[in-house]
Amino acid sequence: MKAKVHITLKNGVLDPQGQAIESALDHLGFSGVGVRVGKYIELELKETSKEKAKVSAEQMCEKLLANTVIEKYSVELAE
């Protein structure tokens, strides 16, 4: 089973990488675009139960993949 994990900065956390991209887009003529940069991770899990797979992926996020002090995450399962 595949887990798709999206990790983004929480609201209120400064995003210097997003600001740099936003500035570059503005210089290219794409003004008024707000940019926040995050991470996308695909996990191939051996779990066959969706419930167990989701719990496992969330535990991975809590323990390693996401810095939960400044980041939030979402897990989407696909077969």
PDB file of N, CA and C in Angstrom:
ATOM      1  N   MET A   1       0.849  -1.167   0.000  1.00  0.00           N
ATOM      2  CA  MET A   1       0.000   0.000   0.000  1.00  0.00           C
ATOM      3  C   MET A   1       0.899   1.236   0.000  1.00  0.00           C
ATOM      4  N   LYS A   2       0.502   2.236  -0.741  1.00  0.00           N
ATOM      5  CA  LYS A   2       1.285   3.458  -0.851  1.00  0.00           C
ATOM      6  C   LYS A   2       0.667   4.549   0.018  1.00  0.00           C
ATOM      7  N   ALA A   3       1.528   5.254   0.757  1.00  0.00           N
ATOM      8  CA  ALA A   3       1.097   6.408   1.540  1.00  0.00           C
ATOM      9  C   ALA A   3       1.741   7.648   0.928  1.00  0.00           C
ATOM     10  N   LYS A   4       0.922   8.644   0.655  1.00  0.00           N
ATOM     11  CA  LYS A   4       1.414   9.914   0.131  1.00  0.00           C
ATOM     12  C   LYS A   4       1.359  10.920   1.272  1.00  0.00           C
ATOM     13  N   VAL A   5       2.520  11.472   1.614  1.00  0.00           N
ATOM     14  CA  VAL A   5       2.628  12.379   2.753  1.00  0.00           C
ATOM     15  C   VAL A   5       2.962  13.779   2.246  1.00  0.00           C
ATOM     16  N   HIS A   6       2.158  14.740   2.636  1.00  0.00           N
ATOM     17  CA  HIS A   6       2.394  16.147   2.310  1.00  0.00           C
ATOM     18  C   HIS A   6       2.743  16.861   3.616  1.00  0.00           C
ATOM     19  N   ILE A   7       3.886  17.530   3.621  1.00  0.00           N
ATOM     20  CA  ILE A   7       4.348  18.240   4.807  1.00  0.00           C
ATOM     21  C   ILE A   7       4.510  19.714   4.445  1.00  0.00           C
ATOM     22  N   THR A   8       3.870  20.583   5.219  1.00  0.00           N
ATOM     23  CA  THR A   8       3.956  22.021   4.975  1.00  0.00           C
ATOM     24  C   THR A   8       4.214  22.747   6.291  1.00  0.00           C
ATOM     25  N   LEU A   9       4.706  23.965   6.163  1.00  0.00           N
ATOM     26  CA  LEU A   9       4.926  24.779   7.351  1.00  0.00           C
ATOM     27  C   LEU A   9       3.589  25.217   7.925  1.00  0.00           C
ATOM     28  N   LYS A  10       3.520  25.299   9.240  1.00  0.00           N
ATOM     29  CA  LYS A  10       2.306  25.785   9.896  1.00  0.00           C
ATOM     30  C   LYS A  10       2.137  27.269   9.587  1.00  0.00           C
ATOM     31  N   ASN A  11       0.891  27.746   9.675  1.00  0.00           N
ATOM     32  CA  ASN A  11       0.617  29.164   9.483  1.00  0.00           C
ATOM     33  C   ASN A  11       1.399  29.968  10.509  1.00  0.00           C
ATOM     34  N   GLY A  12       1.959  31.078  10.084  1.00  0.00           N
ATOM     35  CA  GLY A  12       2.714  31.938  10.979  1.00  0.00           C
ATOM     36  C   GLY A  12       4.204  31.646  11.013  1.00  0.00           C
ATOM     37  N   VAL A  13       4.627  30.516  10.446  1.00  0.00           N
ATOM     38  CA  VAL A  13       6.053  30.187  10.391  1.00  0.00           C
ATOM     39  C   VAL A  13       6.631  30.802   9.124  1.00  0.00           C
ATOM     40  N   LEU A  14       7.726  31.548   9.273  1.00  0.00           N
ATOM     41  CA  LEU A  14       8.353  32.182   8.120  1.00  0.00           C
ATOM     42  C   LEU A  14       8.846  31.132   7.133  1.00  0.00           C
ATOM     43  N   ASP A  15       8.721  31.439   5.852  1.00  0.00           N
ATOM     44  CA  ASP A  15       9.114  30.525   4.782  1.00  0.00           C
ATOM     45  C   ASP A  15      10.067  31.255   3.828  1.00  0.00           C
ATOM     46  N   PRO A  16      11.369  31.336   4.157  1.00  0.00           N
ATOM     47  CA  PRO A  16      12.303  32.069   3.307  1.00  0.00           C
ATOM     48  C   PRO A  16      12.421  31.486   1.898  1.00  0.00           C
ATOM     49  N   GLN A  17      12.327  30.174   1.765  1.00  0.00           N
ATOM     50  CA  GLN A  17      12.394  29.557   0.441  1.00  0.00           C
ATOM     51  C   GLN A  17      11.174  29.956  -0.387  1.00  0.00           C
ATOM     52  N   GLY A  18      10.012  29.948   0.224  1.00  0.00           N
ATOM     53  CA  GLY A  18       8.799  30.379  -0.462  1.00  0.00           C
ATOM     54  C   GLY A  18       8.877  31.838  -0.862  1.00  0.00           C
ATOM     55  N   GLN A  19       9.445  32.680   0.018  1.00  0.00           N
ATOM     56  CA  GLN A  19       9.592  34.099  -0.290  1.00  0.00           C
ATOM     57  C   GLN A  19      10.539  34.322  -1.465  1.00  0.00           C
ATOM     58  N   ALA A  20      11.619  33.532  -1.535  1.00  0.00           N
ATOM     59  CA  ALA A  20      12.568  33.650  -2.647  1.00  0.00           C
ATOM     60  C   ALA A  20      11.905  33.272  -3.969  1.00  0.00           C
ATOM     61  N   ILE A  21      11.106  32.214  -3.953  1.00  0.00           N
ATOM     62  CA  ILE A  21      10.399  31.792  -5.165  1.00  0.00           C
ATOM     63  C   ILE A  21       9.362  32.838  -5.551  1.00  0.00           C
ATOM     64  N   GLU A  22       8.662  33.370  -4.561  1.00  0.00           N
ATOM     65  CA  GLU A  22       7.652  34.399  -4.811  1.00  0.00           C
ATOM     66  C   GLU A  22       8.296  35.629  -5.466  1.00  0.00           C
ATOM     67  N   SER A  23       9.464  36.032  -4.967  1.00  0.00           N
ATOM     68  CA  SER A  23      10.182  37.184  -5.527  1.00  0.00           C
ATOM     69  C   SER A  23      10.624  36.898  -6.964  1.00  0.00           C
ATOM     70  N   ALA A  24      11.143  35.692  -7.204  1.00  0.00           N
ATOM     71  CA  ALA A  24      11.580  35.323  -8.558  1.00  0.00           C
ATOM     72  C   ALA A  24      10.404  35.312  -9.525  1.00  0.00           C
ATOM     73  N   LEU A  25       9.266  34.797  -9.097  1.00  0.00           N
ATOM     74  CA  LEU A  25       8.077  34.785  -9.951  1.00  0.00           C
ATOM     75  C   LEU A  25       7.620  36.210 -10.266  1.00  0.00           C
ATOM     76  N   ASP A  26       7.717  37.085  -9.266  1.00  0.00           N
ATOM     77  CA  ASP A  26       7.340  38.482  -9.476  1.00  0.00           C
ATOM     78  C   ASP A  26       8.236  39.122 -10.538  1.00  0.00           C
ATOM     79  N   HIS A  27       9.527  38.825 -10.499  1.00  0.00           N
ATOM     80  CA  HIS A  27      10.467  39.357 -11.487  1.00  0.00           C
ATOM     81  C   HIS A  27      10.203  38.788 -12.888  1.00  0.00           C
ATOM     82  N   LEU A  28       9.594  37.626 -12.945  1.00  0.00           N
ATOM     83  CA  LEU A  28       9.258  37.012 -14.233  1.00  0.00           C
ATOM     84  C   LEU A  28       7.891  37.457 -14.753  1.00  0.00           C
ATOM     85  N   GLY A  29       7.239  38.355 -14.001  1.00  0.00           N
ATOM     86  CA  GLY A  29       5.961  38.880 -14.437  1.00  0.00           C
ATOM     87  C   GLY A  29       4.749  38.199 -13.826  1.00  0.00           C
ATOM     88  N   PHE A  30       4.961  37.295 -12.897  1.00  0.00           N
ATOM     89  CA  PHE A  30       3.851  36.611 -12.219  1.00  0.00           C
ATOM     90  C   PHE A  30       3.644  37.249 -10.857  1.00  0.00           C
ATOM     91  N   SER A  31       3.030  38.421 -10.843  1.00  0.00           N
ATOM     92  CA  SER A  31       2.869  39.136  -9.576  1.00  0.00           C
ATOM     93  C   SER A  31       1.616  38.668  -8.849  1.00  0.00           C
ATOM     94  N   GLY A  32       1.615  38.889  -7.547  1.00  0.00           N
ATOM     95  CA  GLY A  32       0.451  38.549  -6.735  1.00  0.00           C
ATOM     96  C   GLY A  32       0.318  37.076  -6.406  1.00  0.00           C
ATOM     97  N   VAL A  33       1.405  36.325  -6.526  1.00  0.00           N
ATOM     98  CA  VAL A  33       1.365  34.888  -6.241  1.00  0.00           C
ATOM     99  C   VAL A  33       1.944  34.653  -4.848  1.00  0.00           C
ATOM    100  N   GLY A  34       1.193  33.996  -3.990  1.00  0.00           N
ATOM    101  CA  GLY A  34       1.697  33.606  -2.674  1.00  0.00           C
ATOM    102  C   GLY A  34       2.284  32.207  -2.762  1.00  0.00           C
ATOM    103  N   VAL A  35       3.457  32.011  -2.180  1.00  0.00           N
ATOM    104  CA  VAL A  35       4.146  30.713  -2.287  1.00  0.00           C
ATOM    105  C   VAL A  35       4.523  30.207  -0.899  1.00  0.00           C
ATOM    106  N   ARG A  36       4.210  28.951  -0.622  1.00  0.00           N
ATOM    107  CA  ARG A  36       4.675  28.241   0.566  1.00  0.00           C
ATOM    108  C   ARG A  36       5.299  26.946   0.067  1.00  0.00           C
ATOM    109  N   VAL A  37       6.484  26.629   0.540  1.00  0.00           N
ATOM    110  CA  VAL A  37       7.204  25.439   0.088  1.00  0.00           C
ATOM    111  C   VAL A  37       7.043  24.336   1.125  1.00  0.00           C
ATOM    112  N   GLY A  38       6.846  23.114   0.648  1.00  0.00           N
ATOM    113  CA  GLY A  38       6.706  21.972   1.536  1.00  0.00           C
ATOM    114  C   GLY A  38       7.440  20.766   0.981  1.00  0.00           C
ATOM    115  N   LYS A  39       7.111  19.605   1.515  1.00  0.00           N
ATOM    116  CA  LYS A  39       7.731  18.352   1.091  1.00  0.00           C
ATOM    117  C   LYS A  39       6.640  17.355   0.717  1.00  0.00           C
ATOM    118  N   TYR A  40       6.968  16.497  -0.228  1.00  0.00           N
ATOM    119  CA  TYR A  40       6.080  15.405  -0.622  1.00  0.00           C
ATOM    120  C   TYR A  40       6.890  14.122  -0.533  1.00  0.00           C
ATOM    121  N   ILE A  41       6.370  13.144   0.196  1.00  0.00           N
ATOM    122  CA  ILE A  41       7.076  11.876   0.391  1.00  0.00           C
ATOM    123  C   ILE A  41       6.116  10.736   0.080  1.00  0.00           C
ATOM    124  N   GLU A  42       6.574   9.766  -0.705  1.00  0.00           N
ATOM    125  CA  GLU A  42       5.793   8.549  -0.958  1.00  0.00           C
ATOM    126  C   GLU A  42       6.418   7.401  -0.180  1.00  0.00           C
ATOM    127  N   LEU A  43       5.578   6.684   0.546  1.00  0.00           N
ATOM    128  CA  LEU A  43       6.019   5.525   1.314  1.00  0.00           C
ATOM    129  C   LEU A  43       5.335   4.284   0.766  1.00  0.00           C
ATOM    130  N   GLU A  44       6.085   3.256   0.519  1.00  0.00           N
ATOM    131  CA  GLU A  44       5.523   1.973   0.098  1.00  0.00           C
ATOM    132  C   GLU A  44       5.484   1.086   1.336  1.00  0.00           C
ATOM    133  N   LEU A  45       4.277   0.842   1.842  1.00  0.00           N
ATOM    134  CA  LEU A  45       4.095   0.101   3.086  1.00  0.00           C
ATOM    135  C   LEU A  45       3.655  -1.333   2.818  1.00  0.00           C
ATOM    136  N   LYS A  46       4.088  -2.242   3.676  1.00  0.00           N
ATOM    137  CA  LYS A  46       3.701  -3.646   3.541  1.00  0.00           C
ATOM    138  C   LYS A  46       2.346  -3.934   4.172  1.00  0.00           C
ATOM    139  N   GLU A  47       1.813  -2.969   4.897  1.00  0.00           N
ATOM    140  CA  GLU A  47       0.514  -3.144   5.565  1.00  0.00           C
ATOM    141  C   GLU A  47      -0.580  -3.410   4.525  1.00  0.00           C
ATOM    142  N   THR A  48      -1.522  -4.265   4.867  1.00  0.00           N
ATOM    143  CA  THR A  48      -2.667  -4.516   3.991  1.00  0.00           C
ATOM    144  C   THR A  48      -3.922  -3.825   4.507  1.00  0.00           C
ATOM    145  N   SER A  49      -3.914  -3.485   5.783  1.00  0.00           N
ATOM    146  CA  SER A  49      -5.044  -2.785   6.391  1.00  0.00           C
ATOM    147  C   SER A  49      -4.839  -1.275   6.252  1.00  0.00           C
ATOM    148  N   LYS A  50      -5.853  -0.576   5.735  1.00  0.00           N
ATOM    149  CA  LYS A  50      -5.750   0.878   5.579  1.00  0.00           C
ATOM    150  C   LYS A  50      -5.559   1.560   6.931  1.00  0.00           C
ATOM    151  N   GLU A  51      -6.260   1.088   7.940  1.00  0.00           N
ATOM    152  CA  GLU A  51      -6.164   1.695   9.264  1.00  0.00           C
ATOM    153  C   GLU A  51      -4.748   1.575   9.817  1.00  0.00           C
ATOM    154  N   LYS A  52      -4.166   0.366   9.720  1.00  0.00           N
ATOM    155  CA  LYS A  52      -2.810   0.147  10.226  1.00  0.00           C
ATOM    156  C   LYS A  52      -1.787   0.939   9.406  1.00  0.00           C
ATOM    157  N   ALA A  53      -1.993   1.005   8.099  1.00  0.00           N
ATOM    158  CA  ALA A  53      -1.079   1.746   7.236  1.00  0.00           C
ATOM    159  C   ALA A  53      -1.085   3.230   7.581  1.00  0.00           C
ATOM    160  N   LYS A  54      -2.266   3.778   7.810  1.00  0.00           N
ATOM    161  CA  LYS A  54      -2.365   5.205   8.147  1.00  0.00           C
ATOM    162  C   LYS A  54      -1.705   5.486   9.490  1.00  0.00           C
ATOM    163  N   VAL A  55      -1.956   4.638  10.474  1.00  0.00           N
ATOM    164  CA  VAL A  55      -1.339   4.809  11.793  1.00  0.00           C
ATOM    165  C   VAL A  55       0.176   4.721  11.676  1.00  0.00           C
ATOM    166  N   SER A  56       0.664   3.776  10.911  1.00  0.00           N
ATOM    167  CA  SER A  56       2.102   3.606  10.725  1.00  0.00           C
ATOM    168  C   SER A  56       2.726   4.833  10.060  1.00  0.00           C
ATOM    169  N   ALA A  57       2.102   5.328   9.000  1.00  0.00           N
ATOM    170  CA  ALA A  57       2.619   6.512   8.299  1.00  0.00           C
ATOM    171  C   ALA A  57       2.586   7.734   9.212  1.00  0.00           C
ATOM    172  N   GLU A  58       1.539   7.885   9.998  1.00  0.00           N
ATOM    173  CA  GLU A  58       1.455   9.014  10.920  1.00  0.00           C
ATOM    174  C   GLU A  58       2.525   8.932  11.997  1.00  0.00           C
ATOM    175  N   GLN A  59       2.819   7.734  12.477  1.00  0.00           N
ATOM    176  CA  GLN A  59       3.887   7.562  13.462  1.00  0.00           C
ATOM    177  C   GLN A  59       5.240   7.939  12.855  1.00  0.00           C
ATOM    178  N   MET A  60       5.447   7.583  11.584  1.00  0.00           N
ATOM    179  CA  MET A  60       6.696   7.958  10.906  1.00  0.00           C
ATOM    180  C   MET A  60       6.827   9.474  10.826  1.00  0.00           C
ATOM    181  N   CYS A  61       5.720  10.143  10.535  1.00  0.00           N
ATOM    182  CA  CYS A  61       5.723  11.609  10.467  1.00  0.00           C
ATOM    183  C   CYS A  61       6.039  12.209  11.827  1.00  0.00           C
ATOM    184  N   GLU A  62       5.398  11.699  12.859  1.00  0.00           N
ATOM    185  CA  GLU A  62       5.591  12.226  14.213  1.00  0.00           C
ATOM    186  C   GLU A  62       7.021  12.027  14.712  1.00  0.00           C
ATOM    187  N   LYS A  63       7.624  10.880  14.354  1.00  0.00           N
ATOM    188  CA  LYS A  63       8.943  10.541  14.891  1.00  0.00           C
ATOM    189  C   LYS A  63      10.109  11.020  14.038  1.00  0.00           C
ATOM    190  N   LEU A  64       9.910  11.183  12.714  1.00  0.00           N
ATOM    191  CA  LEU A  64      11.055  11.495  11.860  1.00  0.00           C
ATOM    192  C   LEU A  64      10.764  12.455  10.715  1.00  0.00           C
ATOM    193  N   LEU A  65       9.718  12.206   9.961  1.00  0.00           N
ATOM    194  CA  LEU A  65       9.533  12.907   8.688  1.00  0.00           C
ATOM    195  C   LEU A  65       9.157  14.377   8.829  1.00  0.00           C
ATOM    196  N   ALA A  66       8.399  14.725   9.854  1.00  0.00           N
ATOM    197  CA  ALA A  66       7.944  16.111  10.027  1.00  0.00           C
ATOM    198  C   ALA A  66       8.446  16.665  11.353  1.00  0.00           C
ATOM    199  N   ASN A  67       8.808  17.933  11.338  1.00  0.00           N
ATOM    200  CA  ASN A  67       9.119  18.631  12.576  1.00  0.00           C
ATOM    201  C   ASN A  67       7.800  19.232  13.055  1.00  0.00           C
ATOM    202  N   THR A  68       7.124  18.528  13.929  1.00  0.00           N
ATOM    203  CA  THR A  68       5.754  18.902  14.295  1.00  0.00           C
ATOM    204  C   THR A  68       5.660  20.209  15.080  1.00  0.00           C
ATOM    205  N   VAL A  69       6.791  20.778  15.474  1.00  0.00           N
ATOM    206  CA  VAL A  69       6.766  22.079  16.135  1.00  0.00           C
ATOM    207  C   VAL A  69       6.413  23.161  15.113  1.00  0.00           C
ATOM    208  N   ILE A  70       6.958  23.040  13.892  1.00  0.00           N
ATOM    209  CA  ILE A  70       6.740  24.079  12.878  1.00  0.00           C
ATOM    210  C   ILE A  70       6.043  23.566  11.623  1.00  0.00           C
ATOM    211  N   GLU A  71       5.845  22.248  11.516  1.00  0.00           N
ATOM    212  CA  GLU A  71       5.251  21.682  10.307  1.00  0.00           C
ATOM    213  C   GLU A  71       3.981  20.904  10.626  1.00  0.00           C
ATOM    214  N   LYS A  72       3.088  20.860   9.647  1.00  0.00           N
ATOM    215  CA  LYS A  72       1.896  20.009   9.722  1.00  0.00           C
ATOM    216  C   LYS A  72       1.985  19.016   8.566  1.00  0.00           C
ATOM    217  N   TYR A  73       1.275  17.910   8.702  1.00  0.00           N
ATOM    218  CA  TYR A  73       1.342  16.884   7.646  1.00  0.00           C
ATOM    219  C   TYR A  73      -0.043  16.301   7.408  1.00  0.00           C
ATOM    220  N   SER A  74      -0.178  15.716   6.225  1.00  0.00           N
ATOM    221  CA  SER A  74      -1.397  14.962   5.911  1.00  0.00           C
ATOM    222  C   SER A  74      -0.968  13.677   5.214  1.00  0.00           C
ATOM    223  N   VAL A  75      -1.707  12.615   5.466  1.00  0.00           N
ATOM    224  CA  VAL A  75      -1.409  11.313   4.881  1.00  0.00           C
ATOM    225  C   VAL A  75      -2.586  10.870   4.035  1.00  0.00           C
ATOM    226  N   GLU A  76      -2.289  10.482   2.802  1.00  0.00           N
ATOM    227  CA  GLU A  76      -3.299   9.964   1.874  1.00  0.00           C
ATOM    228  C   GLU A  76      -2.863   8.561   1.457  1.00  0.00           C
ATOM    229  N   LEU A  77      -3.775   7.605   1.534  1.00  0.00           N
ATOM    230  CA  LEU A  77      -3.447   6.230   1.171  1.00  0.00           C
ATOM    231  C   LEU A  77      -3.940   5.918  -0.234  1.00  0.00           C
ATOM    232  N   ALA A  78      -3.123   5.162  -0.960  1.00  0.00           N
ATOM    233  CA  ALA A  78      -3.489   4.690  -2.303  1.00  0.00           C
ATOM    234  C   ALA A  78      -3.055   3.239  -2.406  1.00  0.00           C
ATOM    235  N   GLU A  79      -3.830   2.449  -3.089  1.00  0.00           N
ATOM    236  CA  GLU A  79      -3.494   1.016  -3.203  1.00  0.00           C
ATOM    237  C   GLU A  79      -2.660   0.730  -4.412  1.00  0.00           C
TER     238      GLU A  79
END
